[in-house]
């Protein structure tokens, strides 16, 4: 809560609505395309984007499963994630 000029408390402003990117990325985990649930600006941060995806069935579990994101002509570096 924030204070007003008289020292009282005011409620926090409502969160901004989610801001989606115009071009949805393609995300692959273990070489299998994963459903992208959200891709856009992270609420409360300037210039920080997030991608939420569901791990697809068929991904072989492991401690270092490769993950790649492609958007338009750009491809991310390969990172690894642990999948149980």
N, C-alpha and C. Protein backbone atom coordinates (compact mmCIF):
# COMPACT_ATOMS: atom_id res chain seq x y z
N UNK A 1 0.83 -1.17 0.00
CA UNK A 1 0.00 0.00 0.00
C UNK A 1 0.88 1.24 0.00
N UNK A 2 0.41 2.24 -0.64
CA UNK A 2 1.15 3.50 -0.73
C UNK A 2 0.48 4.54 0.15
N UNK A 3 1.24 5.53 0.58
CA UNK A 3 0.68 6.58 1.41
C UNK A 3 0.21 7.75 0.56
N UNK A 4 -0.78 8.46 1.04
CA UNK A 4 -1.20 9.68 0.34
C UNK A 4 -0.54 10.87 1.02
N UNK A 5 -0.86 12.09 0.57
CA UNK A 5 -0.23 13.28 1.12
C UNK A 5 -0.55 13.50 2.59
N UNK A 6 -1.63 12.93 3.06
CA UNK A 6 -2.00 13.10 4.47
C UNK A 6 -1.45 11.98 5.34
N UNK A 7 -0.68 11.08 4.76
CA UNK A 7 -0.09 10.00 5.54
C UNK A 7 -0.97 8.77 5.64
N UNK A 8 -2.16 8.78 5.01
CA UNK A 8 -3.02 7.60 5.03
C UNK A 8 -2.57 6.58 3.99
N UNK A 9 -3.13 5.41 4.07
CA UNK A 9 -2.76 4.35 3.14
C UNK A 9 -3.77 4.26 2.01
N UNK A 10 -3.25 4.06 0.81
CA UNK A 10 -4.09 3.89 -0.37
C UNK A 10 -3.89 2.48 -0.90
N UNK A 11 -4.92 1.89 -1.50
CA UNK A 11 -4.74 0.55 -2.06
C UNK A 11 -3.78 0.59 -3.25
N UNK A 12 -3.12 -0.53 -3.47
CA UNK A 12 -2.21 -0.64 -4.61
C UNK A 12 -3.02 -0.58 -5.90
N UNK A 13 -2.43 -0.04 -6.96
CA UNK A 13 -3.16 0.00 -8.24
C UNK A 13 -3.37 -1.41 -8.75
N UNK A 14 -4.41 -1.61 -9.55
CA UNK A 14 -4.64 -2.96 -10.08
C UNK A 14 -3.52 -3.33 -11.05
N UNK A 15 -3.22 -4.62 -11.17
CA UNK A 15 -2.17 -5.03 -12.10
C UNK A 15 -2.57 -4.72 -13.54
N UNK A 16 -1.58 -4.42 -14.34
CA UNK A 16 -1.85 -4.16 -15.76
C UNK A 16 -2.22 -5.47 -16.44
N UNK A 17 -3.03 -5.40 -17.47
CA UNK A 17 -3.35 -6.64 -18.20
C UNK A 17 -2.11 -7.19 -18.89
N UNK A 18 -2.11 -8.48 -19.12
CA UNK A 18 -0.97 -9.13 -19.77
C UNK A 18 -0.76 -8.54 -21.16
N UNK A 19 0.47 -8.35 -21.52
CA UNK A 19 0.84 -7.81 -22.83
C UNK A 19 1.49 -8.92 -23.64
N UNK A 20 0.76 -9.46 -24.59
CA UNK A 20 1.25 -10.53 -25.44
C UNK A 20 2.14 -9.98 -26.54
N UNK A 21 3.08 -10.80 -27.01
CA UNK A 21 3.88 -10.42 -28.17
C UNK A 21 3.03 -10.60 -29.42
N UNK A 22 3.36 -9.87 -30.49
CA UNK A 22 2.60 -9.98 -31.73
C UNK A 22 2.84 -11.31 -32.44
N UNK A 23 4.06 -11.84 -32.36
CA UNK A 23 4.39 -13.08 -33.04
C UNK A 23 4.72 -14.15 -31.98
N UNK A 24 3.84 -15.13 -31.85
CA UNK A 24 4.05 -16.18 -30.85
C UNK A 24 5.29 -17.01 -31.19
N UNK A 25 6.16 -17.25 -30.21
CA UNK A 25 7.35 -18.05 -30.47
C UNK A 25 7.03 -19.54 -30.55
N UNK A 26 7.97 -20.28 -31.10
CA UNK A 26 7.91 -21.74 -31.12
C UNK A 26 8.96 -22.21 -30.12
N UNK A 27 8.57 -23.06 -29.19
CA UNK A 27 9.46 -23.54 -28.15
C UNK A 27 9.56 -25.05 -28.28
N UNK A 28 10.78 -25.57 -28.27
CA UNK A 28 10.99 -27.02 -28.36
C UNK A 28 11.75 -27.49 -27.13
N UNK A 29 11.24 -28.54 -26.51
CA UNK A 29 11.90 -29.17 -25.36
C UNK A 29 12.24 -30.59 -25.77
N UNK A 30 13.51 -30.92 -25.72
CA UNK A 30 13.92 -32.25 -26.12
C UNK A 30 13.60 -32.55 -27.58
N UNK A 31 13.57 -31.51 -28.41
CA UNK A 31 13.28 -31.67 -29.83
C UNK A 31 11.81 -31.80 -30.17
N UNK A 32 10.93 -31.66 -29.16
CA UNK A 32 9.49 -31.76 -29.39
C UNK A 32 8.86 -30.39 -29.14
N UNK A 33 8.05 -29.91 -30.10
CA UNK A 33 7.40 -28.60 -29.92
C UNK A 33 6.48 -28.63 -28.70
N UNK A 34 6.60 -27.58 -27.89
CA UNK A 34 5.82 -27.45 -26.66
C UNK A 34 4.73 -26.41 -26.86
N UNK A 35 3.53 -26.66 -26.33
CA UNK A 35 2.47 -25.64 -26.43
C UNK A 35 2.87 -24.38 -25.63
N UNK A 36 2.86 -23.23 -26.31
CA UNK A 36 3.16 -21.95 -25.65
C UNK A 36 1.86 -21.41 -25.09
N UNK A 37 1.81 -21.23 -23.77
CA UNK A 37 0.61 -20.76 -23.09
C UNK A 37 0.57 -19.24 -22.99
N UNK A 38 1.73 -18.61 -22.90
CA UNK A 38 1.83 -17.15 -22.83
C UNK A 38 3.21 -16.75 -23.29
N UNK A 39 3.29 -15.65 -24.02
CA UNK A 39 4.58 -15.04 -24.35
C UNK A 39 4.35 -13.54 -24.42
N UNK A 40 5.03 -12.81 -23.57
CA UNK A 40 4.83 -11.37 -23.55
C UNK A 40 5.62 -10.71 -22.44
N UNK A 41 5.28 -9.46 -22.19
CA UNK A 41 5.97 -8.68 -21.16
C UNK A 41 5.65 -9.22 -19.77
N UNK A 42 6.68 -9.28 -18.94
CA UNK A 42 6.50 -9.72 -17.56
C UNK A 42 5.94 -8.56 -16.75
N UNK A 43 4.77 -8.74 -16.10
CA UNK A 43 4.17 -7.66 -15.32
C UNK A 43 5.12 -7.15 -14.24
N UNK A 44 5.22 -5.84 -14.13
CA UNK A 44 6.03 -5.23 -13.09
C UNK A 44 7.50 -5.03 -13.44
N UNK A 45 7.93 -5.43 -14.64
CA UNK A 45 9.33 -5.29 -15.04
C UNK A 45 9.40 -4.58 -16.39
N UNK A 46 10.41 -3.76 -16.57
CA UNK A 46 10.58 -3.04 -17.82
C UNK A 46 11.48 -3.84 -18.75
N UNK A 47 10.98 -4.16 -19.94
CA UNK A 47 11.78 -4.83 -20.95
C UNK A 47 12.08 -6.29 -20.70
N UNK A 48 11.39 -6.92 -19.75
CA UNK A 48 11.61 -8.33 -19.46
C UNK A 48 10.44 -9.14 -20.02
N UNK A 49 10.77 -10.09 -20.87
CA UNK A 49 9.75 -10.93 -21.49
C UNK A 49 9.78 -12.31 -20.84
N UNK A 50 8.62 -12.96 -20.83
CA UNK A 50 8.56 -14.32 -20.33
C UNK A 50 7.80 -15.19 -21.31
N UNK A 51 8.12 -16.47 -21.30
CA UNK A 51 7.44 -17.45 -22.13
C UNK A 51 7.02 -18.58 -21.21
N UNK A 52 5.73 -18.86 -21.16
CA UNK A 52 5.20 -19.98 -20.38
C UNK A 52 4.81 -21.07 -21.37
N UNK A 53 5.28 -22.27 -21.11
CA UNK A 53 4.98 -23.39 -22.01
C UNK A 53 4.72 -24.64 -21.19
N UNK A 54 4.03 -25.57 -21.80
CA UNK A 54 3.73 -26.86 -21.18
C UNK A 54 4.70 -27.89 -21.72
N UNK A 55 5.28 -28.69 -20.83
CA UNK A 55 6.18 -29.75 -21.27
C UNK A 55 5.35 -30.77 -22.05
N UNK A 56 5.71 -31.02 -23.31
CA UNK A 56 4.90 -31.95 -24.11
C UNK A 56 5.13 -33.40 -23.69
N UNK A 57 4.10 -34.22 -23.88
CA UNK A 57 4.28 -35.64 -23.60
C UNK A 57 5.27 -36.19 -24.63
N UNK A 58 6.00 -37.18 -24.23
CA UNK A 58 6.98 -37.77 -25.12
C UNK A 58 8.39 -37.28 -24.90
N UNK A 59 8.56 -36.24 -24.07
CA UNK A 59 9.91 -35.76 -23.77
C UNK A 59 10.59 -36.76 -22.84
N UNK A 60 11.77 -37.18 -23.21
CA UNK A 60 12.53 -38.11 -22.38
C UNK A 60 13.05 -37.37 -21.15
N UNK A 61 12.70 -37.85 -19.95
CA UNK A 61 13.18 -37.18 -18.73
C UNK A 61 14.70 -37.20 -18.65
N UNK A 62 15.24 -36.20 -17.98
CA UNK A 62 16.68 -36.12 -17.79
C UNK A 62 17.06 -34.87 -17.05
N UNK A 63 18.32 -34.78 -16.67
CA UNK A 63 18.79 -33.62 -15.91
C UNK A 63 19.25 -32.48 -16.80
N UNK A 64 19.38 -32.72 -18.11
CA UNK A 64 19.85 -31.68 -19.03
C UNK A 64 19.15 -31.84 -20.39
N UNK A 65 17.84 -31.61 -20.39
CA UNK A 65 17.04 -31.71 -21.62
C UNK A 65 17.14 -30.38 -22.36
N UNK A 66 17.49 -30.37 -23.66
CA UNK A 66 17.65 -29.11 -24.39
C UNK A 66 16.33 -28.38 -24.62
N UNK A 67 16.40 -27.06 -24.53
CA UNK A 67 15.25 -26.18 -24.75
C UNK A 67 15.69 -25.06 -25.69
N UNK A 68 14.91 -24.82 -26.74
CA UNK A 68 15.20 -23.77 -27.72
C UNK A 68 13.93 -22.99 -27.99
N UNK A 69 14.07 -21.68 -28.15
CA UNK A 69 12.95 -20.82 -28.52
C UNK A 69 13.27 -20.17 -29.86
N UNK A 70 12.31 -20.21 -30.79
CA UNK A 70 12.45 -19.55 -32.08
C UNK A 70 11.30 -18.55 -32.23
N UNK A 71 11.64 -17.37 -32.73
CA UNK A 71 10.62 -16.35 -33.00
C UNK A 71 11.04 -15.62 -34.27
N UNK A 72 10.22 -15.76 -35.29
CA UNK A 72 10.58 -15.18 -36.58
C UNK A 72 11.85 -15.84 -37.09
N UNK A 73 12.84 -15.04 -37.44
CA UNK A 73 14.10 -15.59 -37.93
C UNK A 73 15.15 -15.75 -36.83
N UNK A 74 14.79 -15.42 -35.59
CA UNK A 74 15.73 -15.49 -34.47
C UNK A 74 15.57 -16.81 -33.71
N UNK A 75 16.70 -17.38 -33.33
CA UNK A 75 16.72 -18.61 -32.53
C UNK A 75 17.58 -18.37 -31.30
N UNK A 76 17.07 -18.80 -30.14
CA UNK A 76 17.82 -18.62 -28.90
C UNK A 76 19.00 -19.58 -28.84
N UNK A 77 19.88 -19.31 -27.91
CA UNK A 77 20.90 -20.30 -27.56
C UNK A 77 20.17 -21.49 -26.96
N UNK A 78 20.76 -22.66 -27.05
CA UNK A 78 20.19 -23.84 -26.41
C UNK A 78 20.53 -23.80 -24.93
N UNK A 79 19.51 -23.97 -24.11
CA UNK A 79 19.68 -24.09 -22.67
C UNK A 79 19.19 -25.48 -22.28
N UNK A 80 19.47 -25.90 -21.08
CA UNK A 80 18.98 -27.20 -20.63
C UNK A 80 18.11 -27.03 -19.40
N UNK A 81 17.12 -27.92 -19.28
CA UNK A 81 16.23 -27.94 -18.12
C UNK A 81 16.15 -29.37 -17.62
N UNK A 82 15.87 -29.53 -16.35
CA UNK A 82 15.68 -30.85 -15.77
C UNK A 82 14.21 -31.22 -15.89
N UNK A 83 13.93 -32.40 -16.41
CA UNK A 83 12.56 -32.91 -16.57
C UNK A 83 12.47 -34.24 -15.83
N UNK A 84 11.49 -34.33 -14.93
CA UNK A 84 11.28 -35.60 -14.21
C UNK A 84 10.27 -36.44 -14.93
